[in-house]
């Protein structure tokens, strides 16, 4: 299991469009991928799960990846948060 913290750099936070893109991205991997904000943790397999965290710009979230392809999954998620999120 590996985890990494991210600060949401998109001013609008994680709304429907980036949440949908994140669900599509994570479905490519076998690993279980979760997102944590504060004390609440949800699996990133559902748009509603992600939106329920209400992650806004400036919030810190933690991505937790556990499974056989966890390194590849975290690399893809890292690219998403650093490059793609601000354009969605």
C-alpha atoms as a PDB file:
ATOM      1  CA  UNK A   1       0.000   0.000   0.000  1.00  0.00           C
ATOM      2  CA  UNK A   2       1.260   3.455  -0.903  1.00  0.00           C
ATOM      3  CA  UNK A   3      -0.201   6.897  -0.350  1.00  0.00           C
ATOM      4  CA  UNK A   4       0.483  10.455  -1.378  1.00  0.00           C
ATOM      5  CA  UNK A   5      -0.888  13.829  -0.346  1.00  0.00           C
ATOM      6  CA  UNK A   6      -2.070  16.408  -2.855  1.00  0.00           C
ATOM      7  CA  UNK A   7      -3.184  19.992  -2.520  1.00  0.00           C
ATOM      8  CA  UNK A   8      -6.063  20.712  -4.881  1.00  0.00           C
ATOM      9  CA  UNK A   9      -4.722  23.445  -7.157  1.00  0.00           C
ATOM     10  CA  UNK A  10      -7.843  23.891  -9.287  1.00  0.00           C
ATOM     11  CA  UNK A  11      -9.790  26.868  -7.948  1.00  0.00           C
ATOM     12  CA  UNK A  12     -13.103  25.028  -8.448  1.00  0.00           C
ATOM     13  CA  UNK A  13     -11.851  21.938  -6.633  1.00  0.00           C
ATOM     14  CA  UNK A  14     -12.942  18.492  -7.724  1.00  0.00           C
ATOM     15  CA  UNK A  15     -16.338  19.003  -9.330  1.00  0.00           C
ATOM     16  CA  UNK A  16     -18.243  16.646 -11.684  1.00  0.00           C
ATOM     17  CA  UNK A  17     -15.968  16.870 -14.744  1.00  0.00           C
ATOM     18  CA  UNK A  18     -12.634  16.111 -13.008  1.00  0.00           C
ATOM     19  CA  UNK A  19     -14.314  13.542 -10.752  1.00  0.00           C
ATOM     20  CA  UNK A  20     -15.606  11.701 -13.835  1.00  0.00           C
ATOM     21  CA  UNK A  21     -12.131  11.815 -15.411  1.00  0.00           C
ATOM     22  CA  UNK A  22     -10.616  10.462 -12.191  1.00  0.00           C
ATOM     23  CA  UNK A  23     -13.085   7.555 -12.034  1.00  0.00           C
ATOM     24  CA  UNK A  24     -12.316   6.667 -15.670  1.00  0.00           C
ATOM     25  CA  UNK A  25      -8.581   6.843 -14.986  1.00  0.00           C
ATOM     26  CA  UNK A  26      -8.677   4.617 -11.923  1.00  0.00           C
ATOM     27  CA  UNK A  27     -10.824   1.951 -13.609  1.00  0.00           C
ATOM     28  CA  UNK A  28      -7.797   1.093 -15.770  1.00  0.00           C
ATOM     29  CA  UNK A  29      -6.058  -0.381 -12.721  1.00  0.00           C
ATOM     30  CA  UNK A  30      -6.661  -3.467 -10.584  1.00  0.00           C
ATOM     31  CA  UNK A  31      -5.486  -1.767  -7.392  1.00  0.00           C
ATOM     32  CA  UNK A  32      -7.985  -0.445  -4.881  1.00  0.00           C
ATOM     33  CA  UNK A  33      -7.753   3.342  -4.947  1.00  0.00           C
ATOM     34  CA  UNK A  34      -9.178   5.569  -2.234  1.00  0.00           C
ATOM     35  CA  UNK A  35      -9.258   9.275  -1.490  1.00  0.00           C
ATOM     36  CA  UNK A  36      -9.136  10.707   2.016  1.00  0.00           C
ATOM     37  CA  UNK A  37     -10.072  14.200   3.145  1.00  0.00           C
ATOM     38  CA  UNK A  38      -9.947  14.854   6.849  1.00  0.00           C
ATOM     39  CA  UNK A  39     -11.254  11.779   8.640  1.00  0.00           C
ATOM     40  CA  UNK A  40     -13.369  10.540   5.702  1.00  0.00           C
ATOM     41  CA  UNK A  41     -12.099   8.005   3.157  1.00  0.00           C
ATOM     42  CA  UNK A  42     -13.966   6.891   0.017  1.00  0.00           C
ATOM     43  CA  UNK A  43     -13.122   4.549  -2.834  1.00  0.00           C
ATOM     44  CA  UNK A  44     -12.594   6.299  -6.164  1.00  0.00           C
ATOM     45  CA  UNK A  45     -14.879   4.005  -8.087  1.00  0.00           C
ATOM     46  CA  UNK A  46     -17.889   6.283  -8.127  1.00  0.00           C
ATOM     47  CA  UNK A  47     -18.521   9.887  -9.084  1.00  0.00           C
ATOM     48  CA  UNK A  48     -20.764  10.323  -6.046  1.00  0.00           C
ATOM     49  CA  UNK A  49     -18.090   9.005  -3.684  1.00  0.00           C
ATOM     50  CA  UNK A  50     -15.622  11.609  -4.910  1.00  0.00           C
ATOM     51  CA  UNK A  51     -18.137  14.465  -4.913  1.00  0.00           C
ATOM     52  CA  UNK A  52     -19.228  13.566  -1.363  1.00  0.00           C
ATOM     53  CA  UNK A  53     -15.810  14.692  -0.086  1.00  0.00           C
ATOM     54  CA  UNK A  54     -16.459  18.223  -1.416  1.00  0.00           C
ATOM     55  CA  UNK A  55     -12.757  18.819  -2.122  1.00  0.00           C
ATOM     56  CA  UNK A  56     -12.262  22.501  -2.895  1.00  0.00           C
ATOM     57  CA  UNK A  57      -9.277  24.471  -4.135  1.00  0.00           C
ATOM     58  CA  UNK A  58      -6.609  24.590  -1.445  1.00  0.00           C
ATOM     59  CA  UNK A  59      -7.808  21.426   0.330  1.00  0.00           C
ATOM     60  CA  UNK A  60      -5.345  18.634   1.024  1.00  0.00           C
ATOM     61  CA  UNK A  61      -6.403  15.121   0.091  1.00  0.00           C
ATOM     62  CA  UNK A  62      -4.604  11.805   0.372  1.00  0.00           C
ATOM     63  CA  UNK A  63      -4.686   9.153  -2.333  1.00  0.00           C
ATOM     64  CA  UNK A  64      -4.253   5.592  -1.041  1.00  0.00           C
ATOM     65  CA  UNK A  65      -3.427   2.835  -3.545  1.00  0.00           C
ATOM     66  CA  UNK A  66      -3.255  -0.848  -2.675  1.00  0.00           C
ATOM     67  CA  UNK A  67      -2.779  -3.686  -5.144  1.00  0.00           C
ATOM     68  CA  UNK A  68      -0.566  -5.341  -7.710  1.00  0.00           C
ATOM     69  CA  UNK A  69      -0.322  -2.308 -10.018  1.00  0.00           C
ATOM     70  CA  UNK A  70      -0.254   0.341  -7.304  1.00  0.00           C
ATOM     71  CA  UNK A  71       2.914   2.061  -8.527  1.00  0.00           C
ATOM     72  CA  UNK A  72       1.568   2.526 -12.055  1.00  0.00           C
ATOM     73  CA  UNK A  73      -1.760   3.708 -10.671  1.00  0.00           C
ATOM     74  CA  UNK A  74      -0.092   6.295  -8.441  1.00  0.00           C
ATOM     75  CA  UNK A  75       2.038   7.559 -11.336  1.00  0.00           C
ATOM     76  CA  UNK A  76      -1.109   8.074 -13.454  1.00  0.00           C
ATOM     77  CA  UNK A  77      -2.913   9.789 -10.577  1.00  0.00           C
ATOM     78  CA  UNK A  78       0.121  11.984  -9.949  1.00  0.00           C
ATOM     79  CA  UNK A  79       0.019  13.160 -13.567  1.00  0.00           C
ATOM     80  CA  UNK A  80      -3.719  13.781 -13.217  1.00  0.00           C
ATOM     81  CA  UNK A  81      -3.329  15.993 -10.137  1.00  0.00           C
ATOM     82  CA  UNK A  82      -0.283  17.909 -11.381  1.00  0.00           C
ATOM     83  CA  UNK A  83      -1.171  18.405 -15.047  1.00  0.00           C
ATOM     84  CA  UNK A  84      -4.768  17.584 -15.941  1.00  0.00           C
ATOM     85  CA  UNK A  85      -6.885  18.737 -12.983  1.00  0.00           C
ATOM     86  CA  UNK A  86      -6.278  22.428 -13.582  1.00  0.00           C
ATOM     87  CA  UNK A  87      -7.512  22.111 -17.193  1.00  0.00           C
ATOM     88  CA  UNK A  88     -10.838  20.401 -16.428  1.00  0.00           C
END
